Amino acid sequence: MKWLAKNLEDKSHKYILISHIYAGSRFNEKKEGLTWLEKYNDMFFSLTKKNKDQIMLEIGGHDHWEDLRYF
């Protein structure tokens, strides 16, 4: 998150965010408990909201859960 926040400080660029395992994803072999780790979800969405004019597109990877998130 620190790396992303630092790069987004540069207002002279537009960004495409690509991740294989996205912020807040949680690995759980037994498929019990929460799918998302709220702390990182909140941090990531806060950064994207704050810098929405610089972010052209976000492409997230997979976590093998039968779930979908959108923003």
N, C-alpha and C. Protein backbone atom coordinates (compact mmCIF):
# COMPACT_ATOMS: atom_id res chain seq x y z
N MET A 1 0.82 -1.19 0.00
CA MET A 1 0.00 0.00 0.00
C MET A 1 0.87 1.26 0.00
N LYS A 2 1.98 1.18 0.71
CA LYS A 2 2.88 2.34 0.75
C LYS A 2 3.43 2.63 -0.64
N TRP A 3 3.79 1.59 -1.37
CA TRP A 3 4.32 1.75 -2.73
C TRP A 3 3.27 2.39 -3.64
N LEU A 4 2.05 1.89 -3.57
CA LEU A 4 0.97 2.44 -4.40
C LEU A 4 0.70 3.89 -4.04
N ALA A 5 0.59 4.18 -2.76
CA ALA A 5 0.32 5.55 -2.32
C ALA A 5 1.43 6.50 -2.80
N LYS A 6 2.67 6.07 -2.69
CA LYS A 6 3.79 6.91 -3.13
C LYS A 6 3.72 7.18 -4.63
N ASN A 7 3.42 6.17 -5.42
CA ASN A 7 3.33 6.36 -6.87
C ASN A 7 2.15 7.24 -7.26
N LEU A 8 1.05 7.11 -6.57
CA LEU A 8 -0.12 7.93 -6.89
C LEU A 8 0.07 9.40 -6.52
N GLU A 9 1.09 9.71 -5.73
CA GLU A 9 1.39 11.11 -5.41
C GLU A 9 1.84 11.88 -6.65
N ASP A 10 2.36 11.17 -7.64
CA ASP A 10 2.81 11.80 -8.89
C ASP A 10 1.58 12.09 -9.75
N LYS A 11 1.10 13.33 -9.70
CA LYS A 11 -0.13 13.71 -10.39
C LYS A 11 0.05 13.90 -11.88
N SER A 12 1.27 13.74 -12.38
CA SER A 12 1.52 13.95 -13.81
C SER A 12 1.28 12.69 -14.64
N HIS A 13 0.89 11.59 -13.99
CA HIS A 13 0.68 10.33 -14.70
C HIS A 13 -0.73 9.79 -14.49
N LYS A 14 -1.17 8.97 -15.43
CA LYS A 14 -2.40 8.18 -15.30
C LYS A 14 -1.96 6.74 -15.08
N TYR A 15 -2.80 5.97 -14.40
CA TYR A 15 -2.40 4.62 -14.02
C TYR A 15 -3.44 3.58 -14.38
N ILE A 16 -2.95 2.39 -14.69
CA ILE A 16 -3.77 1.19 -14.79
C ILE A 16 -3.27 0.27 -13.69
N LEU A 17 -4.14 -0.06 -12.77
CA LEU A 17 -3.76 -0.92 -11.64
C LEU A 17 -4.06 -2.37 -12.00
N ILE A 18 -3.05 -3.20 -11.95
CA ILE A 18 -3.21 -4.62 -12.26
C ILE A 18 -2.65 -5.42 -11.10
N SER A 19 -3.43 -6.38 -10.65
CA SER A 19 -2.95 -7.22 -9.56
C SER A 19 -3.41 -8.67 -9.76
N HIS A 20 -2.56 -9.58 -9.40
CA HIS A 20 -2.92 -10.99 -9.48
C HIS A 20 -3.77 -11.37 -8.27
N ILE A 21 -3.29 -11.02 -7.11
CA ILE A 21 -4.05 -11.19 -5.88
C ILE A 21 -4.27 -9.79 -5.32
N TYR A 22 -5.49 -9.35 -5.33
CA TYR A 22 -5.82 -7.96 -5.03
C TYR A 22 -5.79 -7.66 -3.54
N ALA A 23 -5.74 -6.39 -3.25
CA ALA A 23 -5.70 -5.94 -1.86
C ALA A 23 -6.92 -6.41 -1.09
N GLY A 24 -6.68 -6.99 0.05
CA GLY A 24 -7.76 -7.46 0.90
C GLY A 24 -8.14 -8.90 0.70
N SER A 25 -7.56 -9.56 -0.32
CA SER A 25 -7.87 -10.96 -0.56
C SER A 25 -7.30 -11.82 0.56
N ARG A 26 -8.03 -12.83 0.91
CA ARG A 26 -7.59 -13.70 1.99
C ARG A 26 -7.58 -15.15 1.51
N PHE A 27 -6.51 -15.85 1.76
CA PHE A 27 -6.42 -17.26 1.42
C PHE A 27 -6.93 -18.08 2.59
N ASN A 28 -7.85 -18.99 2.32
CA ASN A 28 -8.41 -19.81 3.38
C ASN A 28 -8.76 -21.17 2.79
N GLU A 29 -7.95 -22.17 3.05
CA GLU A 29 -8.15 -23.50 2.45
C GLU A 29 -9.48 -24.13 2.85
N LYS A 30 -9.93 -23.87 4.03
CA LYS A 30 -11.16 -24.50 4.52
C LYS A 30 -12.41 -23.73 4.12
N LYS A 31 -12.24 -22.59 3.47
CA LYS A 31 -13.36 -21.74 3.05
C LYS A 31 -14.25 -21.37 4.24
N GLU A 32 -13.62 -21.02 5.32
CA GLU A 32 -14.34 -20.57 6.51
C GLU A 32 -13.95 -19.13 6.79
N GLY A 33 -14.81 -18.41 7.43
CA GLY A 33 -14.49 -17.05 7.85
C GLY A 33 -14.65 -16.03 6.74
N LEU A 34 -14.07 -14.89 6.95
CA LEU A 34 -14.20 -13.78 6.02
C LEU A 34 -13.38 -13.98 4.77
N THR A 35 -13.92 -13.57 3.65
CA THR A 35 -13.19 -13.61 2.39
C THR A 35 -12.26 -12.41 2.28
N TRP A 36 -12.67 -11.27 2.78
CA TRP A 36 -11.90 -10.03 2.63
C TRP A 36 -11.26 -9.64 3.96
N LEU A 37 -10.07 -9.11 3.89
CA LEU A 37 -9.44 -8.52 5.07
C LEU A 37 -9.74 -7.03 5.01
N GLU A 38 -10.66 -6.60 5.82
CA GLU A 38 -11.20 -5.24 5.73
C GLU A 38 -10.15 -4.15 5.82
N LYS A 39 -9.13 -4.34 6.64
CA LYS A 39 -8.09 -3.31 6.80
C LYS A 39 -7.49 -2.96 5.44
N TYR A 40 -7.11 -3.96 4.67
CA TYR A 40 -6.48 -3.71 3.38
C TYR A 40 -7.49 -3.30 2.31
N ASN A 41 -8.69 -3.85 2.38
CA ASN A 41 -9.76 -3.40 1.50
C ASN A 41 -9.99 -1.91 1.68
N ASP A 42 -10.14 -1.49 2.93
CA ASP A 42 -10.41 -0.08 3.22
C ASP A 42 -9.27 0.81 2.75
N MET A 43 -8.04 0.38 2.98
CA MET A 43 -6.88 1.17 2.55
C MET A 43 -6.85 1.31 1.03
N PHE A 44 -7.08 0.18 0.33
CA PHE A 44 -7.04 0.18 -1.12
C PHE A 44 -8.13 1.06 -1.70
N PHE A 45 -9.36 0.91 -1.23
CA PHE A 45 -10.45 1.71 -1.77
C PHE A 45 -10.33 3.18 -1.39
N SER A 46 -9.76 3.46 -0.26
CA SER A 46 -9.50 4.85 0.11
C SER A 46 -8.51 5.49 -0.87
N LEU A 47 -7.45 4.76 -1.19
CA LEU A 47 -6.46 5.26 -2.16
C LEU A 47 -7.08 5.45 -3.54
N THR A 48 -7.88 4.49 -3.98
CA THR A 48 -8.47 4.60 -5.32
C THR A 48 -9.49 5.73 -5.39
N LYS A 49 -10.27 5.92 -4.34
CA LYS A 49 -11.22 7.04 -4.31
C LYS A 49 -10.48 8.38 -4.35
N LYS A 50 -9.48 8.48 -3.50
CA LYS A 50 -8.71 9.73 -3.40
C LYS A 50 -8.03 10.09 -4.72
N ASN A 51 -7.64 9.09 -5.49
CA ASN A 51 -6.88 9.30 -6.72
C ASN A 51 -7.66 8.87 -7.96
N LYS A 52 -8.97 8.92 -7.91
CA LYS A 52 -9.81 8.40 -8.99
C LYS A 52 -9.56 9.07 -10.34
N ASP A 53 -9.13 10.31 -10.34
CA ASP A 53 -8.88 10.99 -11.61
C ASP A 53 -7.60 10.52 -12.29
N GLN A 54 -6.74 9.86 -11.55
CA GLN A 54 -5.49 9.35 -12.10
C GLN A 54 -5.57 7.89 -12.52
N ILE A 55 -6.56 7.17 -12.02
CA ILE A 55 -6.67 5.74 -12.29
C ILE A 55 -7.62 5.53 -13.47
N MET A 56 -7.05 5.00 -14.54
CA MET A 56 -7.84 4.76 -15.74
C MET A 56 -8.62 3.45 -15.66
N LEU A 57 -8.02 2.44 -15.03
CA LEU A 57 -8.60 1.11 -15.00
C LEU A 57 -7.97 0.31 -13.88
N GLU A 58 -8.77 -0.56 -13.27
CA GLU A 58 -8.24 -1.51 -12.30
C GLU A 58 -8.62 -2.90 -12.76
N ILE A 59 -7.65 -3.78 -12.85
CA ILE A 59 -7.89 -5.17 -13.20
C ILE A 59 -7.37 -6.02 -12.06
N GLY A 60 -8.26 -6.80 -11.45
CA GLY A 60 -7.86 -7.65 -10.34
C GLY A 60 -7.83 -9.10 -10.76
N GLY A 61 -6.98 -9.85 -10.09
CA GLY A 61 -6.82 -11.26 -10.40
C GLY A 61 -7.86 -12.12 -9.74
N HIS A 62 -7.45 -13.26 -9.32
CA HIS A 62 -8.38 -14.23 -8.77
C HIS A 62 -7.90 -14.76 -7.42
N ASP A 63 -8.86 -15.36 -6.72
CA ASP A 63 -8.51 -15.99 -5.46
C ASP A 63 -9.20 -17.34 -5.29
N HIS A 64 -9.83 -17.84 -6.34
CA HIS A 64 -10.48 -19.14 -6.36
C HIS A 64 -11.68 -19.24 -5.42
N TRP A 65 -12.27 -18.12 -5.10
CA TRP A 65 -13.50 -18.10 -4.33
C TRP A 65 -14.65 -17.85 -5.30
N GLU A 66 -15.79 -18.36 -4.99
CA GLU A 66 -16.95 -18.10 -5.81
C GLU A 66 -17.60 -16.81 -5.32
N ASP A 67 -16.93 -15.72 -5.59
CA ASP A 67 -17.35 -14.44 -5.07
C ASP A 67 -16.92 -13.37 -6.06
N LEU A 68 -17.51 -12.23 -5.94
CA LEU A 68 -17.20 -11.13 -6.84
C LEU A 68 -17.27 -9.84 -6.03
N ARG A 69 -16.36 -8.95 -6.32
CA ARG A 69 -16.47 -7.62 -5.71
C ARG A 69 -16.37 -6.60 -6.82
N TYR A 70 -17.04 -5.53 -6.63
CA TYR A 70 -16.97 -4.44 -7.59
C TYR A 70 -16.98 -3.14 -6.83
N PHE A 71 -16.53 -2.10 -7.51
CA PHE A 71 -16.39 -0.80 -6.86
C PHE A 71 -16.87 0.26 -7.80
